[in-house]
Each structure stands twice: as C-alpha cells, then as structure tokens.
Amino acid sequence: MTGKPVPLALTTPSALRIIQEAAQESGRIFFTSHAIKRMRQRRITRTQVIECLRKGRISESSHRDIKGDWKCNMTWLHAGDNVTATVVIKRDERTGNCLLVITVFGG
C-alpha cells in the first residue's frame, strides 16, 4: 500500500482529555492578542479561562482548522458567569501538547 497515511479524527472525549491534561500547567496555555483583547472587552480573566480549560466541557466538537490543527470550544460556568474559550491543540515536540486560546466570550 502506498501513499500518505490518513490521520485519525480526534474524538470529543480524546480532545477533552488532552485539553484538561495540558491545562494543568498554565505554562502550556498561550493566548492570541485577539483573545486578550476580547477578554478585556468582556471582563473575563485569565483565571476564568484557565478554569474553563481545566474543568469545562466541549460545547463545539473538535474539528480541523485550515492549518490542520484541532480546534474546539470549551465552556464552563465560573463564578456565575458562562465562559467559552475557542482553543487550538498544538503539538510541541519539547513540551507535549500546548493550548492556544483564539478567542473568549461569555453567555
């Protein structure tokens, strides 16, 4: 058999496990400038986002973005506020899985 291997789909339970595991170390969570801007506008703190990644549920299933990375939305009720973070799972050869927060919103 020749050709390129077909990548397997990342299931929702697998994505949740990877995200929650990576989020245990805050040094593996990175924020885009867009996410930081939205956090300020929407009065959402880093603590709220980190808790969302550590304890939340996937509210939009994992899917590949145009760059081939796995992306999903995580939602968590934190201190009475619904927090949703759009996160990309990045594979880093040195540190393992890292998380890139793309945007954040409430509601």
PDB file of N, CA and C in Angstrom:
ATOM      1  N   MET A   1       0.849  -1.177   0.000  1.00  0.00           N
ATOM      2  CA  MET A   1       0.000   0.000   0.000  1.00  0.00           C
ATOM      3  C   MET A   1       0.892   1.237   0.000  1.00  0.00           C
ATOM      4  N   THR A   2       0.628   2.169  -0.871  1.00  0.00           N
ATOM      5  CA  THR A   2       1.437   3.382  -0.967  1.00  0.00           C
ATOM      6  C   THR A   2       0.588   4.593  -0.668  1.00  0.00           C
ATOM      7  N   GLY A   3       1.258   5.725  -0.567  1.00  0.00           N
ATOM      8  CA  GLY A   3       0.550   6.964  -0.294  1.00  0.00           C
ATOM      9  C   GLY A   3       0.748   7.414   1.135  1.00  0.00           C
ATOM     10  N   LYS A   4       0.160   8.548   1.434  1.00  0.00           N
ATOM     11  CA  LYS A   4       0.282   9.138   2.767  1.00  0.00           C
ATOM     12  C   LYS A   4      -0.691   8.479   3.730  1.00  0.00           C
ATOM     13  N   PRO A   5      -0.284   8.343   4.991  1.00  0.00           N
ATOM     14  CA  PRO A   5      -1.227   7.806   5.973  1.00  0.00           C
ATOM     15  C   PRO A   5      -2.375   8.785   6.199  1.00  0.00           C
ATOM     16  N   VAL A   6      -3.535   8.263   6.454  1.00  0.00           N
ATOM     17  CA  VAL A   6      -4.716   9.087   6.722  1.00  0.00           C
ATOM     18  C   VAL A   6      -4.773   9.361   8.222  1.00  0.00           C
ATOM     19  N   PRO A   7      -4.753  10.645   8.621  1.00  0.00           N
ATOM     20  CA  PRO A   7      -4.814  10.940  10.052  1.00  0.00           C
ATOM     21  C   PRO A   7      -6.169  10.567  10.644  1.00  0.00           C
ATOM     22  N   LEU A   8      -6.144  10.071  11.850  1.00  0.00           N
ATOM     23  CA  LEU A   8      -7.382   9.718  12.538  1.00  0.00           C
ATOM     24  C   LEU A   8      -8.049  10.967  13.092  1.00  0.00           C
ATOM     25  N   ALA A   9      -9.351  10.929  13.154  1.00  0.00           N
ATOM     26  CA  ALA A   9     -10.100  12.044  13.727  1.00  0.00           C
ATOM     27  C   ALA A   9      -9.910  12.047  15.244  1.00  0.00           C
ATOM     28  N   LEU A  10      -9.839  13.224  15.805  1.00  0.00           N
ATOM     29  CA  LEU A  10      -9.736  13.376  17.250  1.00  0.00           C
ATOM     30  C   LEU A  10     -11.150  13.375  17.808  1.00  0.00           C
ATOM     31  N   THR A  11     -11.469  12.386  18.600  1.00  0.00           N
ATOM     32  CA  THR A  11     -12.812  12.298  19.166  1.00  0.00           C
ATOM     33  C   THR A  11     -12.992  13.354  20.249  1.00  0.00           C
ATOM     34  N   THR A  12     -14.231  13.676  20.548  1.00  0.00           N
ATOM     35  CA  THR A  12     -14.523  14.657  21.589  1.00  0.00           C
ATOM     36  C   THR A  12     -13.968  14.217  22.946  1.00  0.00           C
ATOM     37  N   PRO A  13     -14.155  12.964  23.374  1.00  0.00           N
ATOM     38  CA  PRO A  13     -13.566  12.559  24.658  1.00  0.00           C
ATOM     39  C   PRO A  13     -12.034  12.653  24.676  1.00  0.00           C
ATOM     40  N   SER A  14     -11.394  12.322  23.562  1.00  0.00           N
ATOM     41  CA  SER A  14      -9.935  12.423  23.491  1.00  0.00           C
ATOM     42  C   SER A  14      -9.486  13.875  23.550  1.00  0.00           C
ATOM     43  N   ALA A  15     -10.181  14.740  22.819  1.00  0.00           N
ATOM     44  CA  ALA A  15      -9.843  16.167  22.838  1.00  0.00           C
ATOM     45  C   ALA A  15      -9.995  16.730  24.246  1.00  0.00           C
ATOM     46  N   LEU A  16     -11.081  16.368  24.923  1.00  0.00           N
ATOM     47  CA  LEU A  16     -11.317  16.844  26.284  1.00  0.00           C
ATOM     48  C   LEU A  16     -10.184  16.407  27.212  1.00  0.00           C
ATOM     49  N   ARG A  17      -9.777  15.157  27.101  1.00  0.00           N
ATOM     50  CA  ARG A  17      -8.691  14.643  27.942  1.00  0.00           C
ATOM     51  C   ARG A  17      -7.389  15.390  27.668  1.00  0.00           C
ATOM     52  N   ILE A  18      -7.060  15.616  26.398  1.00  0.00           N
ATOM     53  CA  ILE A  18      -5.831  16.326  26.029  1.00  0.00           C
ATOM     54  C   ILE A  18      -5.857  17.751  26.559  1.00  0.00           C
ATOM     55  N   ILE A  19      -6.981  18.440  26.382  1.00  0.00           N
ATOM     56  CA  ILE A  19      -7.096  19.837  26.826  1.00  0.00           C
ATOM     57  C   ILE A  19      -6.989  19.929  28.337  1.00  0.00           C
ATOM     58  N   GLN A  20      -7.728  19.101  29.049  1.00  0.00           N
ATOM     59  CA  GLN A  20      -7.693  19.169  30.514  1.00  0.00           C
ATOM     60  C   GLN A  20      -6.318  18.809  31.063  1.00  0.00           C
ATOM     61  N   GLU A  21      -5.654  17.863  30.438  1.00  0.00           N
ATOM     62  CA  GLU A  21      -4.318  17.484  30.883  1.00  0.00           C
ATOM     63  C   GLU A  21      -3.314  18.616  30.632  1.00  0.00           C
ATOM     64  N   ALA A  22      -3.341  19.187  29.439  1.00  0.00           N
ATOM     65  CA  ALA A  22      -2.415  20.278  29.112  1.00  0.00           C
ATOM     66  C   ALA A  22      -2.671  21.510  29.977  1.00  0.00           C
ATOM     67  N   ALA A  23      -3.939  21.764  30.308  1.00  0.00           N
ATOM     68  CA  ALA A  23      -4.300  22.958  31.084  1.00  0.00           C
ATOM     69  C   ALA A  23      -3.855  22.877  32.544  1.00  0.00           C
ATOM     70  N   GLN A  24      -3.439  21.707  33.002  1.00  0.00           N
ATOM     71  CA  GLN A  24      -2.966  21.586  34.386  1.00  0.00           C
ATOM     72  C   GLN A  24      -1.697  22.402  34.616  1.00  0.00           C
ATOM     73  N   GLU A  25      -0.961  22.669  33.560  1.00  0.00           N
ATOM     74  CA  GLU A  25       0.240  23.509  33.642  1.00  0.00           C
ATOM     75  C   GLU A  25      -0.048  24.800  32.890  1.00  0.00           C
ATOM     76  N   SER A  26      -0.183  25.893  33.604  1.00  0.00           N
ATOM     77  CA  SER A  26      -0.549  27.159  32.953  1.00  0.00           C
ATOM     78  C   SER A  26       0.507  27.604  31.942  1.00  0.00           C
ATOM     79  N   GLY A  27       1.739  27.111  32.064  1.00  0.00           N
ATOM     80  CA  GLY A  27       2.792  27.442  31.109  1.00  0.00           C
ATOM     81  C   GLY A  27       2.585  26.803  29.744  1.00  0.00           C
ATOM     82  N   ARG A  28       1.601  25.938  29.635  1.00  0.00           N
ATOM     83  CA  ARG A  28       1.282  25.301  28.354  1.00  0.00           C
ATOM     84  C   ARG A  28       0.054  25.929  27.704  1.00  0.00           C
ATOM     85  N   ILE A  29      -0.423  27.046  28.288  1.00  0.00           N
ATOM     86  CA  ILE A  29      -1.585  27.764  27.749  1.00  0.00           C
ATOM     87  C   ILE A  29      -1.099  29.111  27.220  1.00  0.00           C
ATOM     88  N   PHE A  30      -1.393  29.377  25.969  1.00  0.00           N
ATOM     89  CA  PHE A  30      -0.986  30.622  25.329  1.00  0.00           C
ATOM     90  C   PHE A  30      -2.227  31.334  24.805  1.00  0.00           C
ATOM     91  N   PHE A  31      -2.172  32.660  24.771  1.00  0.00           N
ATOM     92  CA  PHE A  31      -3.305  33.476  24.355  1.00  0.00           C
ATOM     93  C   PHE A  31      -2.911  34.318  23.142  1.00  0.00           C
ATOM     94  N   THR A  32      -3.753  34.342  22.122  1.00  0.00           N
ATOM     95  CA  THR A  32      -3.521  35.250  21.000  1.00  0.00           C
ATOM     96  C   THR A  32      -3.824  36.673  21.458  1.00  0.00           C
ATOM     97  N   SER A  33      -3.322  37.640  20.726  1.00  0.00           N
ATOM     98  CA  SER A  33      -3.630  39.040  21.065  1.00  0.00           C
ATOM     99  C   SER A  33      -5.132  39.286  20.925  1.00  0.00           C
ATOM    100  N   HIS A  34      -5.767  38.617  19.982  1.00  0.00           N
ATOM    101  CA  HIS A  34      -7.220  38.751  19.816  1.00  0.00           C
ATOM    102  C   HIS A  34      -7.947  38.263  21.073  1.00  0.00           C
ATOM    103  N   ALA A  35      -7.521  37.118  21.614  1.00  0.00           N
ATOM    104  CA  ALA A  35      -8.166  36.580  22.824  1.00  0.00           C
ATOM    105  C   ALA A  35      -7.994  37.546  23.990  1.00  0.00           C
ATOM    106  N   ILE A  36      -6.806  38.095  24.142  1.00  0.00           N
ATOM    107  CA  ILE A  36      -6.548  39.041  25.235  1.00  0.00           C
ATOM    108  C   ILE A  36      -7.433  40.277  25.086  1.00  0.00           C
ATOM    109  N   LYS A  37      -7.559  40.772  23.858  1.00  0.00           N
ATOM    110  CA  LYS A  37      -8.412  41.937  23.606  1.00  0.00           C
ATOM    111  C   LYS A  37      -9.862  41.633  23.976  1.00  0.00           C
ATOM    112  N   ARG A  38     -10.358  40.472  23.557  1.00  0.00           N
ATOM    113  CA  ARG A  38     -11.740  40.090  23.866  1.00  0.00           C
ATOM    114  C   ARG A  38     -11.945  39.874  25.357  1.00  0.00           C
ATOM    115  N   MET A  39     -10.947  39.339  26.034  1.00  0.00           N
ATOM    116  CA  MET A  39     -11.048  39.144  27.481  1.00  0.00           C
ATOM    117  C   MET A  39     -11.211  40.491  28.185  1.00  0.00           C
ATOM    118  N   ARG A  40     -10.429  41.473  27.751  1.00  0.00           N
ATOM    119  CA  ARG A  40     -10.559  42.813  28.344  1.00  0.00           C
ATOM    120  C   ARG A  40     -11.940  43.391  28.080  1.00  0.00           C
ATOM    121  N   GLN A  41     -12.381  43.320  26.816  1.00  0.00           N
ATOM    122  CA  GLN A  41     -13.685  43.867  26.440  1.00  0.00           C
ATOM    123  C   GLN A  41     -14.824  43.208  27.203  1.00  0.00           C
ATOM    124  N   ARG A  42     -14.702  41.907  27.432  1.00  0.00           N
ATOM    125  CA  ARG A  42     -15.797  41.137  28.027  1.00  0.00           C
ATOM    126  C   ARG A  42     -15.615  40.885  29.519  1.00  0.00           C
ATOM    127  N   ARG A  43     -14.569  41.489  30.076  1.00  0.00           N
ATOM    128  CA  ARG A  43     -14.263  41.377  31.515  1.00  0.00           C
ATOM    129  C   ARG A  43     -14.178  39.914  31.963  1.00  0.00           C
ATOM    130  N   ILE A  44     -13.406  39.147  31.202  1.00  0.00           N
ATOM    131  CA  ILE A  44     -13.146  37.748  31.525  1.00  0.00           C
ATOM    132  C   ILE A  44     -11.672  37.638  31.885  1.00  0.00           C
ATOM    133  N   THR A  45     -11.377  37.023  33.007  1.00  0.00           N
ATOM    134  CA  THR A  45      -9.999  36.943  33.486  1.00  0.00           C
ATOM    135  C   THR A  45      -9.291  35.685  32.971  1.00  0.00           C
ATOM    136  N   ARG A  46      -7.963  35.716  33.073  1.00  0.00           N
ATOM    137  CA  ARG A  46      -7.173  34.525  32.720  1.00  0.00           C
ATOM    138  C   ARG A  46      -7.562  33.344  33.610  1.00  0.00           C
ATOM    139  N   THR A  47      -7.799  33.637  34.885  1.00  0.00           N
ATOM    140  CA  THR A  47      -8.196  32.580  35.821  1.00  0.00           C
ATOM    141  C   THR A  47      -9.466  31.900  35.339  1.00  0.00           C
ATOM    142  N   GLN A  48     -10.438  32.683  34.890  1.00  0.00           N
ATOM    143  CA  GLN A  48     -11.687  32.108  34.392  1.00  0.00           C
ATOM    144  C   GLN A  48     -11.438  31.231  33.166  1.00  0.00           C
ATOM    145  N   VAL A  49     -10.577  31.681  32.265  1.00  0.00           N
ATOM    146  CA  VAL A  49     -10.290  30.907  31.057  1.00  0.00           C
ATOM    147  C   VAL A  49      -9.553  29.616  31.411  1.00  0.00           C
ATOM    148  N   ILE A  50      -8.572  29.702  32.290  1.00  0.00           N
ATOM    149  CA  ILE A  50      -7.820  28.514  32.686  1.00  0.00           C
ATOM    150  C   ILE A  50      -8.738  27.500  33.360  1.00  0.00           C
ATOM    151  N   GLU A  51      -9.622  27.954  34.226  1.00  0.00           N
ATOM    152  CA  GLU A  51     -10.585  27.043  34.863  1.00  0.00           C
ATOM    153  C   GLU A  51     -11.521  26.434  33.829  1.00  0.00           C
ATOM    154  N   CYS A  52     -11.898  27.217  32.831  1.00  0.00           N
ATOM    155  CA  CYS A  52     -12.735  26.712  31.743  1.00  0.00           C
ATOM    156  C   CYS A  52     -12.023  25.559  31.042  1.00  0.00           C
ATOM    157  N   LEU A  53     -10.739  25.719  30.774  1.00  0.00           N
ATOM    158  CA  LEU A  53      -9.980  24.671  30.086  1.00  0.00           C
ATOM    159  C   LEU A  53      -9.751  23.463  30.986  1.00  0.00           C
ATOM    160  N   ARG A  54      -9.580  23.678  32.264  1.00  0.00           N
ATOM    161  CA  ARG A  54      -9.324  22.575  33.188  1.00  0.00           C
ATOM    162  C   ARG A  54     -10.571  21.781  33.541  1.00  0.00           C
ATOM    163  N   LYS A  55     -11.712  22.459  33.656  1.00  0.00           N
ATOM    164  CA  LYS A  55     -12.908  21.816  34.194  1.00  0.00           C
ATOM    165  C   LYS A  55     -14.113  21.824  33.262  1.00  0.00           C
ATOM    166  N   GLY A  56     -13.993  22.519  32.137  1.00  0.00           N
ATOM    167  CA  GLY A  56     -15.143  22.705  31.261  1.00  0.00           C
ATOM    168  C   GLY A  56     -15.499  21.485  30.429  1.00  0.00           C
ATOM    169  N   ARG A  57     -16.490  21.703  29.595  1.00  0.00           N
ATOM    170  CA  ARG A  57     -16.949  20.666  28.672  1.00  0.00           C
ATOM    171  C   ARG A  57     -16.800  21.211  27.258  1.00  0.00           C
ATOM    172  N   ILE A  58     -16.696  20.318  26.319  1.00  0.00           N
ATOM    173  CA  ILE A  58     -16.606  20.747  24.927  1.00  0.00           C
ATOM    174  C   ILE A  58     -18.011  21.087  24.443  1.00  0.00           C
ATOM    175  N   SER A  59     -18.189  22.336  24.027  1.00  0.00           N
ATOM    176  CA  SER A  59     -19.507  22.794  23.583  1.00  0.00           C
ATOM    177  C   SER A  59     -19.608  22.868  22.063  1.00  0.00           C
ATOM    178  N   GLU A  60     -18.488  22.814  21.378  1.00  0.00           N
ATOM    179  CA  GLU A  60     -18.464  22.672  19.918  1.00  0.00           C
ATOM    180  C   GLU A  60     -17.407  21.625  19.617  1.00  0.00           C
ATOM    181  N   SER A  61     -17.801  20.567  18.987  1.00  0.00           N
ATOM    182  CA  SER A  61     -16.924  19.415  18.770  1.00  0.00           C
ATOM    183  C   SER A  61     -15.605  19.789  18.113  1.00  0.00           C
ATOM    184  N   SER A  62     -14.604  18.963  18.396  1.00  0.00           N
ATOM    185  CA  SER A  62     -13.291  19.192  17.811  1.00  0.00           C
ATOM    186  C   SER A  62     -13.348  18.972  16.304  1.00  0.00           C
ATOM    187  N   HIS A  63     -12.628  19.830  15.598  1.00  0.00           N
ATOM    188  CA  HIS A  63     -12.550  19.738  14.144  1.00  0.00           C
ATOM    189  C   HIS A  63     -11.215  20.325  13.703  1.00  0.00           C
ATOM    190  N   ARG A  64     -10.793  19.976  12.527  1.00  0.00           N
ATOM    191  CA  ARG A  64      -9.539  20.512  11.992  1.00  0.00           C
ATOM    192  C   ARG A  64      -9.800  21.889  11.382  1.00  0.00           C
ATOM    193  N   ASP A  65      -8.881  22.819  11.670  1.00  0.00           N
ATOM    194  CA  ASP A  65      -8.983  24.123  11.033  1.00  0.00           C
ATOM    195  C   ASP A  65      -8.211  24.080   9.711  1.00  0.00           C
ATOM    196  N   ILE A  66      -8.126  25.195   9.015  1.00  0.00           N
ATOM    197  CA  ILE A  66      -7.491  25.193   7.693  1.00  0.00           C
ATOM    198  C   ILE A  66      -5.990  24.921   7.761  1.00  0.00           C
ATOM    199  N   LYS A  67      -5.395  25.070   8.943  1.00  0.00           N
ATOM    200  CA  LYS A  67      -3.970  24.777   9.115  1.00  0.00           C
ATOM    201  C   LYS A  67      -3.727  23.322   9.502  1.00  0.00           C
ATOM    202  N   GLY A  68      -4.813  22.570   9.714  1.00  0.00           N
ATOM    203  CA  GLY A  68      -4.684  21.163  10.078  1.00  0.00           C
ATOM    204  C   GLY A  68      -4.628  20.922  11.577  1.00  0.00           C
ATOM    205  N   ASP A  69      -4.770  21.988  12.379  1.00  0.00           N
ATOM    206  CA  ASP A  69      -4.771  21.848  13.836  1.00  0.00           C
ATOM    207  C   ASP A  69      -6.176  21.495  14.325  1.00  0.00           C
ATOM    208  N   TRP A  70      -6.243  20.847  15.482  1.00  0.00           N
ATOM    209  CA  TRP A  70      -7.525  20.514  16.097  1.00  0.00           C
ATOM    210  C   TRP A  70      -8.014  21.682  16.934  1.00  0.00           C
ATOM    211  N   LYS A  71      -9.273  22.038  16.762  1.00  0.00           N
ATOM    212  CA  LYS A  71      -9.853  23.228  17.381  1.00  0.00           C
ATOM    213  C   LYS A  71     -11.228  22.873  17.934  1.00  0.00           C
ATOM    214  N   CYS A  72     -11.589  23.476  19.081  1.00  0.00           N
ATOM    215  CA  CYS A  72     -12.930  23.286  19.633  1.00  0.00           C
ATOM    216  C   CYS A  72     -13.252  24.424  20.601  1.00  0.00           C
ATOM    217  N   ASN A  73     -14.488  24.453  21.050  1.00  0.00           N
ATOM    218  CA  ASN A  73     -14.916  25.406  22.074  1.00  0.00           C
ATOM    219  C   ASN A  73     -15.099  24.668  23.386  1.00  0.00           C
ATOM    220  N   MET A  74     -14.592  25.271  24.451  1.00  0.00           N
ATOM    221  CA  MET A  74     -14.770  24.762  25.806  1.00  0.00           C
ATOM    222  C   MET A  74     -15.640  25.755  26.562  1.00  0.00           C
ATOM    223  N   THR A  75     -16.596  25.256  27.354  1.00  0.00           N
ATOM    224  CA  THR A  75     -17.492  26.113  28.123  1.00  0.00           C
ATOM    225  C   THR A  75     -17.493  25.673  29.579  1.00  0.00           C
ATOM    226  N   TRP A  76     -17.560  26.671  30.479  1.00  0.00           N
ATOM    227  CA  TRP A  76     -17.553  26.401  31.916  1.00  0.00           C
ATOM    228  C   TRP A  76     -18.284  27.532  32.624  1.00  0.00           C
ATOM    229  N   LEU A  77     -19.084  27.189  33.621  1.00  0.00           N
ATOM    230  CA  LEU A  77     -19.748  28.186  34.451  1.00  0.00           C
ATOM    231  C   LEU A  77     -18.791  28.516  35.588  1.00  0.00           C
ATOM    232  N   HIS A  78     -18.245  29.729  35.589  1.00  0.00           N
ATOM    233  CA  HIS A  78     -17.255  30.136  36.584  1.00  0.00           C
ATOM    234  C   HIS A  78     -17.767  31.350  37.337  1.00  0.00           C
ATOM    235  N   ALA A  79     -17.941  31.196  38.629  1.00  0.00           N
ATOM    236  CA  ALA A  79     -18.398  32.295  39.491  1.00  0.00           C
ATOM    237  C   ALA A  79     -19.675  32.936  38.943  1.00  0.00           C
ATOM    238  N   GLY A  80     -20.585  32.114  38.452  1.00  0.00           N
ATOM    239  CA  GLY A  80     -21.858  32.611  37.959  1.00  0.00           C
ATOM    240  C   GLY A  80     -21.834  33.108  36.525  1.00  0.00           C
ATOM    241  N   ASP A  81     -20.661  33.118  35.898  1.00  0.00           N
ATOM    242  CA  ASP A  81     -20.538  33.581  34.517  1.00  0.00           C
ATOM    243  C   ASP A  81     -20.217  32.412  33.601  1.00  0.00           C
ATOM    244  N   ASN A  82     -20.963  32.306  32.497  1.00  0.00           N
ATOM    245  CA  ASN A  82     -20.619  31.326  31.476  1.00  0.00           C
ATOM    246  C   ASN A  82     -19.405  31.844  30.717  1.00  0.00           C
ATOM    247  N   VAL A  83     -18.377  31.029  30.619  1.00  0.00           N
ATOM    248  CA  VAL A  83     -17.166  31.389  29.887  1.00  0.00           C
ATOM    249  C   VAL A  83     -16.959  30.342  28.800  1.00  0.00           C
ATOM    250  N   THR A  84     -16.739  30.807  27.578  1.00  0.00           N
ATOM    251  CA  THR A  84     -16.428  29.910  26.466  1.00  0.00           C
ATOM    252  C   THR A  84     -15.115  30.355  25.852  1.00  0.00           C
ATOM    253  N   ALA A  85     -14.236  29.390  25.628  1.00  0.00           N
ATOM    254  CA  ALA A  85     -12.937  29.662  25.011  1.00  0.00           C
ATOM    255  C   ALA A  85     -12.801  28.793  23.769  1.00  0.00           C
ATOM    256  N   THR A  86     -12.410  29.420  22.666  1.00  0.00           N
ATOM    257  CA  THR A  86     -12.071  28.668  21.464  1.00  0.00           C
ATOM    258  C   THR A  86     -10.586  28.369  21.560  1.00  0.00           C
ATOM    259  N   VAL A  87     -10.254  27.087  21.502  1.00  0.00           N
ATOM    260  CA  VAL A  87      -8.884  26.657  21.764  1.00  0.00           C
ATOM    261  C   VAL A  87      -8.396  25.728  20.658  1.00  0.00           C
ATOM    262  N   VAL A  88      -7.113  25.875  20.332  1.00  0.00           N
ATOM    263  CA  VAL A  88      -6.442  25.008  19.367  1.00  0.00           C
ATOM    264  C   VAL A  88      -5.417  24.178  20.124  1.00  0.00           C
ATOM    265  N   ILE A  89      -5.406  22.887  19.835  1.00  0.00           N
ATOM    266  CA  ILE A  89      -4.407  21.994  20.432  1.00  0.00           C
ATOM    267  C   ILE A  89      -3.183  22.009  19.524  1.00  0.00           C
ATOM    268  N   LYS A  90      -2.058  22.418  20.094  1.00  0.00           N
ATOM    269  CA  LYS A  90      -0.798  22.461  19.353  1.00  0.00           C
ATOM    270  C   LYS A  90       0.124  21.394  19.908  1.00  0.00           C
ATOM    271  N   ARG A  91       0.768  20.671  19.034  1.00  0.00           N
ATOM    272  CA  ARG A  91       1.732  19.645  19.454  1.00  0.00           C
ATOM    273  C   ARG A  91       3.119  20.262  19.425  1.00  0.00           C
ATOM    274  N   ASP A  92       3.793  20.240  20.567  1.00  0.00           N
ATOM    275  CA  ASP A  92       5.155  20.756  20.679  1.00  0.00           C
ATOM    276  C   ASP A  92       6.068  19.590  21.034  1.00  0.00           C
ATOM    277  N   GLU A  93       7.105  19.396  20.266  1.00  0.00           N
ATOM    278  CA  GLU A  93       7.994  18.248  20.472  1.00  0.00           C
ATOM    279  C   GLU A  93       8.690  18.292  21.834  1.00  0.00           C
ATOM    280  N   ARG A  94       8.962  19.491  22.343  1.00  0.00           N
ATOM    281  CA  ARG A  94       9.665  19.607  23.626  1.00  0.00           C
ATOM    282  C   ARG A  94       8.739  19.459  24.822  1.00  0.00           C
ATOM    283  N   THR A  95       7.563  20.068  24.764  1.00  0.00           N
ATOM    284  CA  THR A  95       6.700  20.128  25.943  1.00  0.00           C
ATOM    285  C   THR A  95       5.448  19.280  25.849  1.00  0.00           C
ATOM    286  N   GLY A  96       5.213  18.662  24.717  1.00  0.00           N
ATOM    287  CA  GLY A  96       3.974  17.903  24.542  1.00  0.00           C
ATOM    288  C   GLY A  96       2.879  18.805  24.007  1.00  0.00           C
ATOM    289  N   ASN A  97       1.655  18.555  24.392  1.00  0.00           N
ATOM    290  CA  ASN A  97       0.531  19.345  23.899  1.00  0.00           C
ATOM    291  C   ASN A  97       0.460  20.689  24.597  1.00  0.00           C
ATOM    292  N   CYS A  98       0.258  21.728  23.795  1.00  0.00           N
ATOM    293  CA  CYS A  98       0.049  23.086  24.300  1.00  0.00           C
ATOM    294  C   CYS A  98      -1.314  23.551  23.792  1.00  0.00           C
ATOM    295  N   LEU A  99      -1.838  24.572  24.431  1.00  0.00           N
ATOM    296  CA  LEU A  99      -3.151  25.104  24.056  1.00  0.00           C
ATOM    297  C   LEU A  99      -3.007  26.552  23.631  1.00  0.00           C
ATOM    298  N   LEU A 100      -3.623  26.907  22.548  1.00  0.00           N
ATOM    299  CA  LEU A 100      -3.635  28.275  22.062  1.00  0.00           C
ATOM    300  C   LEU A 100      -5.075  28.765  22.112  1.00  0.00           C
ATOM    301  N   VAL A 101      -5.336  29.738  22.981  1.00  0.00           N
ATOM    302  CA  VAL A 101      -6.679  30.304  23.110  1.00  0.00           C
ATOM    303  C   VAL A 101      -6.833  31.360  22.023  1.00  0.00           C
ATOM    304  N   ILE A 102      -7.810  31.156  21.145  1.00  0.00           N
ATOM    305  CA  ILE A 102      -8.032  32.026  19.986  1.00  0.00           C
ATOM    306  C   ILE A 102      -8.952  33.190  20.343  1.00  0.00           C
ATOM    307  N   THR A 103     -10.049  32.896  21.011  1.00  0.00           N
ATOM    308  CA  THR A 103     -10.985  33.936  21.432  1.00  0.00           C
ATOM    309  C   THR A 103     -11.740  33.454  22.654  1.00  0.00           C
ATOM    310  N   VAL A 104     -12.378  34.395  23.319  1.00  0.00           N
ATOM    311  CA  VAL A 104     -13.102  34.111  24.562  1.00  0.00           C
ATOM    312  C   VAL A 104     -14.387  34.922  24.559  1.00  0.00           C
ATOM    313  N   PHE A 105     -15.467  34.308  25.005  1.00  0.00           N
ATOM    314  CA  PHE A 105     -16.721  35.048  25.133  1.00  0.00           C
ATOM    315  C   PHE A 105     -17.556  34.448  26.257  1.00  0.00           C
ATOM    316  N   GLY A 106     -18.583  35.173  26.650  1.00  0.00           N
ATOM    317  CA  GLY A 106     -19.485  34.723  27.705  1.00  0.00           C
ATOM    318  C   GLY A 106     -20.864  34.515  27.121  1.00  0.00           C
ATOM    319  N   GLY A 107     -21.757  34.060  27.996  1.00  0.00           N
ATOM    320  CA  GLY A 107     -23.131  33.942  27.520  1.00  0.00           C
ATOM    321  C   GLY A 107     -23.673  32.607  27.465  1.00  0.00           C
TER     322      GLY A 107
END
